[in-house]
């Protein structure tokens, strides 16, 4: 089982609950419809990685996300997550009305920083994501169609969260392709304070 760290304690998520189409500007940039209810899909434990891989034949796109660790059914930690996506395959699957697993749930498709304990107001949270020192994504809970606490409760209506499971809350606009050698930095802020950050070199 792949693990993540919260304040130097290891957790072994049974799954990653992911939210699609949760920022209006990102919905528009991919020419999607605004959903009437949360778009929820799952990545397995095997998707977790500490490295960003994009050296295969298929184009890999980044999606930076505010991510929460769940323990005892509640948010206990926060970290920066990267939802890696095979965009062309996703487009093909959407056209046919098919599930997204081949484009979203492949091995090493969920990359995370370390997690830190979190309690506080969601509306004060925001992310910044840099690629080769250029700011490519920024946004926060104030721009989300569905807020984190609502997403957690909505997900609980049909699945159970094990201790250490993760909730990725969607990505703002600015997604794009990765190439080996790209330098990535993701930061989660509470107002002006950096709560947690991660950095990676794409391989």
C-alpha atoms as a PDB file:
ATOM      1  CA  UNK A   1       0.000   0.000   0.000  1.00  0.00           C
ATOM      2  CA  UNK A   2       1.213   3.494  -0.884  1.00  0.00           C
ATOM      3  CA  UNK A   3       1.435   5.969   1.997  1.00  0.00           C
ATOM      4  CA  UNK A   4       1.248   9.714   2.635  1.00  0.00           C
ATOM      5  CA  UNK A   5       2.497  11.669   5.660  1.00  0.00           C
ATOM      6  CA  UNK A   6       0.571  13.935   8.037  1.00  0.00           C
ATOM      7  CA  UNK A   7       2.845  15.662  10.543  1.00  0.00           C
ATOM      8  CA  UNK A   8       5.401  12.841  10.094  1.00  0.00           C
ATOM      9  CA  UNK A   9       2.759  10.150  10.723  1.00  0.00           C
ATOM     10  CA  UNK A  10       2.142   7.689   7.896  1.00  0.00           C
ATOM     11  CA  UNK A  11      -1.332   6.979   6.559  1.00  0.00           C
ATOM     12  CA  UNK A  12      -2.295   4.426   3.934  1.00  0.00           C
ATOM     13  CA  UNK A  13      -5.295   5.787   2.006  1.00  0.00           C
ATOM     14  CA  UNK A  14      -7.670   3.128   0.739  1.00  0.00           C
ATOM     15  CA  UNK A  15      -8.794   5.576  -1.952  1.00  0.00           C
ATOM     16  CA  UNK A  16      -8.735   9.140  -3.195  1.00  0.00           C
ATOM     17  CA  UNK A  17     -12.120  10.775  -3.701  1.00  0.00           C
ATOM     18  CA  UNK A  18     -11.791  13.315  -6.505  1.00  0.00           C
ATOM     19  CA  UNK A  19     -14.050  16.176  -7.548  1.00  0.00           C
ATOM     20  CA  UNK A  20     -14.360  17.284 -11.140  1.00  0.00           C
ATOM     21  CA  UNK A  21     -15.727  20.548 -12.532  1.00  0.00           C
ATOM     22  CA  UNK A  22     -15.711  22.500  -9.268  1.00  0.00           C
ATOM     23  CA  UNK A  23     -14.346  25.831 -10.606  1.00  0.00           C
ATOM     24  CA  UNK A  24     -16.374  27.702 -13.243  1.00  0.00           C
ATOM     25  CA  UNK A  25     -13.357  29.049 -15.167  1.00  0.00           C
ATOM     26  CA  UNK A  26     -11.851  25.560 -15.435  1.00  0.00           C
ATOM     27  CA  UNK A  27     -15.179  24.184 -16.653  1.00  0.00           C
ATOM     28  CA  UNK A  28     -15.160  26.835 -19.385  1.00  0.00           C
ATOM     29  CA  UNK A  29     -11.535  26.205 -20.425  1.00  0.00           C
ATOM     30  CA  UNK A  30     -12.358  22.540 -21.128  1.00  0.00           C
ATOM     31  CA  UNK A  31     -15.679  23.441 -22.748  1.00  0.00           C
ATOM     32  CA  UNK A  32     -17.734  21.419 -20.264  1.00  0.00           C
ATOM     33  CA  UNK A  33     -21.204  22.022 -18.861  1.00  0.00           C
ATOM     34  CA  UNK A  34     -21.626  23.317 -15.313  1.00  0.00           C
ATOM     35  CA  UNK A  35     -22.874  20.310 -13.316  1.00  0.00           C
ATOM     36  CA  UNK A  36     -26.039  20.414 -11.229  1.00  0.00           C
ATOM     37  CA  UNK A  37     -24.412  18.245  -8.560  1.00  0.00           C
ATOM     38  CA  UNK A  38     -20.789  17.372  -7.682  1.00  0.00           C
ATOM     39  CA  UNK A  39     -18.870  15.263 -10.189  1.00  0.00           C
ATOM     40  CA  UNK A  40     -17.204  12.559  -8.095  1.00  0.00           C
ATOM     41  CA  UNK A  41     -14.747   9.868  -9.172  1.00  0.00           C
ATOM     42  CA  UNK A  42     -12.192   7.645  -7.436  1.00  0.00           C
ATOM     43  CA  UNK A  43      -8.471   7.045  -7.728  1.00  0.00           C
ATOM     44  CA  UNK A  44      -7.109   3.876  -6.078  1.00  0.00           C
ATOM     45  CA  UNK A  45      -4.228   3.631  -3.627  1.00  0.00           C
ATOM     46  CA  UNK A  46      -2.013   2.487  -6.515  1.00  0.00           C
ATOM     47  CA  UNK A  47      -2.372   5.957  -8.071  1.00  0.00           C
ATOM     48  CA  UNK A  48      -0.409   7.603  -5.228  1.00  0.00           C
ATOM     49  CA  UNK A  49       3.089   8.792  -6.081  1.00  0.00           C
ATOM     50  CA  UNK A  50       5.752  11.066  -4.636  1.00  0.00           C
ATOM     51  CA  UNK A  51       7.133  11.726  -8.129  1.00  0.00           C
ATOM     52  CA  UNK A  52       5.621  13.274 -11.248  1.00  0.00           C
ATOM     53  CA  UNK A  53       5.977  11.020 -14.283  1.00  0.00           C
ATOM     54  CA  UNK A  54       5.333  12.316 -17.809  1.00  0.00           C
ATOM     55  CA  UNK A  55       7.838  10.514 -20.013  1.00  0.00           C
ATOM     56  CA  UNK A  56       5.474   8.047 -21.687  1.00  0.00           C
ATOM     57  CA  UNK A  57       3.943   8.188 -25.140  1.00  0.00           C
ATOM     58  CA  UNK A  58       0.692   9.758 -23.918  1.00  0.00           C
ATOM     59  CA  UNK A  59       0.343  13.455 -23.084  1.00  0.00           C
ATOM     60  CA  UNK A  60       0.047  14.099 -19.339  1.00  0.00           C
ATOM     61  CA  UNK A  61      -1.644  17.228 -17.989  1.00  0.00           C
ATOM     62  CA  UNK A  62      -1.376  18.669 -14.469  1.00  0.00           C
ATOM     63  CA  UNK A  63      -4.287  19.775 -12.274  1.00  0.00           C
ATOM     64  CA  UNK A  64      -3.307  21.348  -8.946  1.00  0.00           C
ATOM     65  CA  UNK A  65      -5.768  20.820  -6.093  1.00  0.00           C
ATOM     66  CA  UNK A  66      -6.390  21.617  -2.441  1.00  0.00           C
ATOM     67  CA  UNK A  67      -6.486  18.166  -0.845  1.00  0.00           C
ATOM     68  CA  UNK A  68      -7.747  17.041   2.550  1.00  0.00           C
ATOM     69  CA  UNK A  69      -6.923  13.986   4.644  1.00  0.00           C
ATOM     70  CA  UNK A  70      -9.905  12.449   6.426  1.00  0.00           C
ATOM     71  CA  UNK A  71      -9.737  10.763   9.823  1.00  0.00           C
ATOM     72  CA  UNK A  72     -12.716   9.646  11.911  1.00  0.00           C
ATOM     73  CA  UNK A  73     -14.969  11.040   9.187  1.00  0.00           C
ATOM     74  CA  UNK A  74     -13.597  14.580   9.505  1.00  0.00           C
ATOM     75  CA  UNK A  75     -10.921  16.724   7.866  1.00  0.00           C
ATOM     76  CA  UNK A  76      -7.697  16.369   9.848  1.00  0.00           C
ATOM     77  CA  UNK A  77      -5.012  17.452   7.393  1.00  0.00           C
ATOM     78  CA  UNK A  78      -4.367  19.486   4.267  1.00  0.00           C
ATOM     79  CA  UNK A  79      -1.853  19.125   1.458  1.00  0.00           C
ATOM     80  CA  UNK A  80      -1.193  20.011  -2.158  1.00  0.00           C
ATOM     81  CA  UNK A  81      -2.291  17.413  -4.686  1.00  0.00           C
ATOM     82  CA  UNK A  82      -1.655  17.026  -8.418  1.00  0.00           C
ATOM     83  CA  UNK A  83      -4.284  15.141 -10.389  1.00  0.00           C
ATOM     84  CA  UNK A  84      -2.398  13.869 -13.437  1.00  0.00           C
ATOM     85  CA  UNK A  85      -4.639  13.354 -16.444  1.00  0.00           C
ATOM     86  CA  UNK A  86      -4.290  11.741 -19.857  1.00  0.00           C
ATOM     87  CA  UNK A  87      -6.256  14.545 -21.518  1.00  0.00           C
ATOM     88  CA  UNK A  88      -6.663  13.121 -25.012  1.00  0.00           C
ATOM     89  CA  UNK A  89      -7.932   9.820 -23.639  1.00  0.00           C
ATOM     90  CA  UNK A  90     -10.290  11.715 -21.340  1.00  0.00           C
ATOM     91  CA  UNK A  91     -11.727  13.648 -24.310  1.00  0.00           C
ATOM     92  CA  UNK A  92     -12.301  10.412 -26.201  1.00  0.00           C
ATOM     93  CA  UNK A  93     -14.011   8.783 -23.230  1.00  0.00           C
ATOM     94  CA  UNK A  94     -16.259  11.806 -22.620  1.00  0.00           C
ATOM     95  CA  UNK A  95     -17.391  11.842 -26.250  1.00  0.00           C
ATOM     96  CA  UNK A  96     -18.488   8.217 -25.901  1.00  0.00           C
ATOM     97  CA  UNK A  97     -20.104   8.755 -22.488  1.00  0.00           C
ATOM     98  CA  UNK A  98     -17.677   6.292 -20.886  1.00  0.00           C
ATOM     99  CA  UNK A  99     -16.034   6.341 -17.410  1.00  0.00           C
ATOM    100  CA  UNK A 100     -12.770   8.253 -16.945  1.00  0.00           C
ATOM    101  CA  UNK A 101     -10.635   5.619 -15.177  1.00  0.00           C
ATOM    102  CA  UNK A 102      -8.214   5.100 -18.087  1.00  0.00           C
ATOM    103  CA  UNK A 103      -7.513   8.831 -18.115  1.00  0.00           C
ATOM    104  CA  UNK A 104      -7.595   9.550 -14.386  1.00  0.00           C
ATOM    105  CA  UNK A 105      -6.932   6.458 -12.255  1.00  0.00           C
ATOM    106  CA  UNK A 106      -3.739   5.046 -13.746  1.00  0.00           C
ATOM    107  CA  UNK A 107      -0.674   4.244 -11.654  1.00  0.00           C
ATOM    108  CA  UNK A 108       1.201   7.317 -10.326  1.00  0.00           C
ATOM    109  CA  UNK A 109      -1.614   9.681 -11.332  1.00  0.00           C
ATOM    110  CA  UNK A 110      -2.023  11.279  -7.879  1.00  0.00           C
ATOM    111  CA  UNK A 111       0.971  13.176  -6.518  1.00  0.00           C
ATOM    112  CA  UNK A 112       0.964  14.790  -3.090  1.00  0.00           C
ATOM    113  CA  UNK A 113       3.040  17.027  -0.863  1.00  0.00           C
ATOM    114  CA  UNK A 114       3.273  16.169   2.794  1.00  0.00           C
ATOM    115  CA  UNK A 115       0.145  16.990   4.802  1.00  0.00           C
ATOM    116  CA  UNK A 116      -0.163  19.202   7.866  1.00  0.00           C
ATOM    117  CA  UNK A 117      -2.902  19.386  10.484  1.00  0.00           C
ATOM    118  CA  UNK A 118      -5.726  21.718   9.575  1.00  0.00           C
ATOM    119  CA  UNK A 119      -8.606  23.385  11.372  1.00  0.00           C
ATOM    120  CA  UNK A 120     -10.209  26.606  10.314  1.00  0.00           C
ATOM    121  CA  UNK A 121     -12.244  28.486   7.763  1.00  0.00           C
ATOM    122  CA  UNK A 122     -12.352  26.969   4.291  1.00  0.00           C
ATOM    123  CA  UNK A 123     -12.962  30.305   2.542  1.00  0.00           C
ATOM    124  CA  UNK A 124      -9.517  31.474   3.656  1.00  0.00           C
ATOM    125  CA  UNK A 125      -7.784  28.666   1.739  1.00  0.00           C
ATOM    126  CA  UNK A 126      -6.232  29.097  -1.694  1.00  0.00           C
ATOM    127  CA  UNK A 127      -3.595  27.471  -3.868  1.00  0.00           C
ATOM    128  CA  UNK A 128      -0.815  28.587  -6.168  1.00  0.00           C
ATOM    129  CA  UNK A 129       0.841  26.256  -8.668  1.00  0.00           C
ATOM    130  CA  UNK A 130       4.054  27.138 -10.503  1.00  0.00           C
ATOM    131  CA  UNK A 131       5.597  25.489 -13.569  1.00  0.00           C
ATOM    132  CA  UNK A 132       9.177  26.515 -14.341  1.00  0.00           C
ATOM    133  CA  UNK A 133       8.783  29.554 -12.035  1.00  0.00           C
ATOM    134  CA  UNK A 134       5.649  30.790 -13.865  1.00  0.00           C
ATOM    135  CA  UNK A 135       2.344  30.930 -11.949  1.00  0.00           C
ATOM    136  CA  UNK A 136       0.009  28.690 -13.971  1.00  0.00           C
ATOM    137  CA  UNK A 137      -2.870  28.089 -11.530  1.00  0.00           C
ATOM    138  CA  UNK A 138      -4.345  29.961  -8.608  1.00  0.00           C
ATOM    139  CA  UNK A 139      -7.712  29.806  -6.866  1.00  0.00           C
ATOM    140  CA  UNK A 140      -9.369  28.976  -3.610  1.00  0.00           C
ATOM    141  CA  UNK A 141     -12.411  27.752  -1.769  1.00  0.00           C
ATOM    142  CA  UNK A 142     -14.210  31.038  -2.370  1.00  0.00           C
ATOM    143  CA  UNK A 143     -14.318  30.172  -6.095  1.00  0.00           C
ATOM    144  CA  UNK A 144     -15.504  26.576  -5.666  1.00  0.00           C
ATOM    145  CA  UNK A 145     -19.006  25.672  -6.797  1.00  0.00           C
ATOM    146  CA  UNK A 146     -19.184  23.207  -3.897  1.00  0.00           C
ATOM    147  CA  UNK A 147     -17.253  23.816  -0.683  1.00  0.00           C
ATOM    148  CA  UNK A 148     -15.098  21.112   0.973  1.00  0.00           C
ATOM    149  CA  UNK A 149     -17.469  20.324   3.869  1.00  0.00           C
ATOM    150  CA  UNK A 150     -20.393  19.901   1.452  1.00  0.00           C
ATOM    151  CA  UNK A 151     -18.275  17.649  -0.775  1.00  0.00           C
ATOM    152  CA  UNK A 152     -17.325  15.449   2.171  1.00  0.00           C
ATOM    153  CA  UNK A 153     -20.933  15.075   3.299  1.00  0.00           C
ATOM    154  CA  UNK A 154     -22.182  14.486  -0.257  1.00  0.00           C
ATOM    155  CA  UNK A 155     -19.587  11.764  -0.793  1.00  0.00           C
ATOM    156  CA  UNK A 156     -20.558  10.096   2.487  1.00  0.00           C
ATOM    157  CA  UNK A 157     -24.045   9.530   1.101  1.00  0.00           C
ATOM    158  CA  UNK A 158     -22.755   6.639  -0.999  1.00  0.00           C
ATOM    159  CA  UNK A 159     -19.289   5.678   0.294  1.00  0.00           C
ATOM    160  CA  UNK A 160     -17.376   5.364   3.548  1.00  0.00           C
ATOM    161  CA  UNK A 161     -14.148   7.176   4.317  1.00  0.00           C
ATOM    162  CA  UNK A 162     -11.432   5.092   5.949  1.00  0.00           C
ATOM    163  CA  UNK A 163      -8.851   6.849   8.112  1.00  0.00           C
ATOM    164  CA  UNK A 164      -6.259   8.404   5.812  1.00  0.00           C
ATOM    165  CA  UNK A 165      -8.501   8.611   2.752  1.00  0.00           C
ATOM    166  CA  UNK A 166      -8.047  11.779   0.716  1.00  0.00           C
ATOM    167  CA  UNK A 167     -10.474  14.266  -0.823  1.00  0.00           C
ATOM    168  CA  UNK A 168      -9.225  16.273  -3.808  1.00  0.00           C
ATOM    169  CA  UNK A 169     -11.503  19.295  -4.239  1.00  0.00           C
ATOM    170  CA  UNK A 170     -11.092  20.154  -7.923  1.00  0.00           C
ATOM    171  CA  UNK A 171      -8.774  22.350  -9.946  1.00  0.00           C
ATOM    172  CA  UNK A 172      -8.917  26.004 -11.037  1.00  0.00           C
ATOM    173  CA  UNK A 173      -8.226  27.118 -14.607  1.00  0.00           C
ATOM    174  CA  UNK A 174      -4.745  26.970 -16.066  1.00  0.00           C
ATOM    175  CA  UNK A 175      -4.232  23.231 -16.552  1.00  0.00           C
ATOM    176  CA  UNK A 176      -1.650  22.186 -19.112  1.00  0.00           C
ATOM    177  CA  UNK A 177       0.814  19.637 -20.421  1.00  0.00           C
ATOM    178  CA  UNK A 178       3.910  18.413 -18.601  1.00  0.00           C
ATOM    179  CA  UNK A 179       7.283  17.449 -20.029  1.00  0.00           C
ATOM    180  CA  UNK A 180      10.288  15.764 -18.397  1.00  0.00           C
ATOM    181  CA  UNK A 181      12.487  18.337 -16.687  1.00  0.00           C
ATOM    182  CA  UNK A 182       9.642  20.729 -15.781  1.00  0.00           C
ATOM    183  CA  UNK A 183      10.026  22.207 -12.299  1.00  0.00           C
ATOM    184  CA  UNK A 184       6.798  22.292 -10.283  1.00  0.00           C
ATOM    185  CA  UNK A 185       5.956  24.033  -7.007  1.00  0.00           C
ATOM    186  CA  UNK A 186       2.564  23.848  -5.281  1.00  0.00           C
ATOM    187  CA  UNK A 187       1.546  25.979  -2.302  1.00  0.00           C
ATOM    188  CA  UNK A 188      -1.519  26.026  -0.063  1.00  0.00           C
ATOM    189  CA  UNK A 189      -2.245  29.310   1.734  1.00  0.00           C
ATOM    190  CA  UNK A 190      -4.516  30.384   4.558  1.00  0.00           C
ATOM    191  CA  UNK A 191      -4.875  34.075   3.694  1.00  0.00           C
ATOM    192  CA  UNK A 192      -1.217  35.133   3.241  1.00  0.00           C
ATOM    193  CA  UNK A 193       0.274  32.312   5.332  1.00  0.00           C
ATOM    194  CA  UNK A 194       1.739  29.269   3.581  1.00  0.00           C
ATOM    195  CA  UNK A 195       0.377  26.153   5.275  1.00  0.00           C
ATOM    196  CA  UNK A 196       2.148  23.550   3.174  1.00  0.00           C
ATOM    197  CA  UNK A 197       4.064  23.306  -0.079  1.00  0.00           C
ATOM    198  CA  UNK A 198       5.635  20.713  -2.324  1.00  0.00           C
ATOM    199  CA  UNK A 199       8.147  20.759  -5.173  1.00  0.00           C
ATOM    200  CA  UNK A 200       8.854  18.234  -7.917  1.00  0.00           C
ATOM    201  CA  UNK A 201      10.893  17.781 -11.055  1.00  0.00           C
ATOM    202  CA  UNK A 202       9.001  15.926 -13.771  1.00  0.00           C
ATOM    203  CA  UNK A 203      10.645  12.685 -14.861  1.00  0.00           C
END
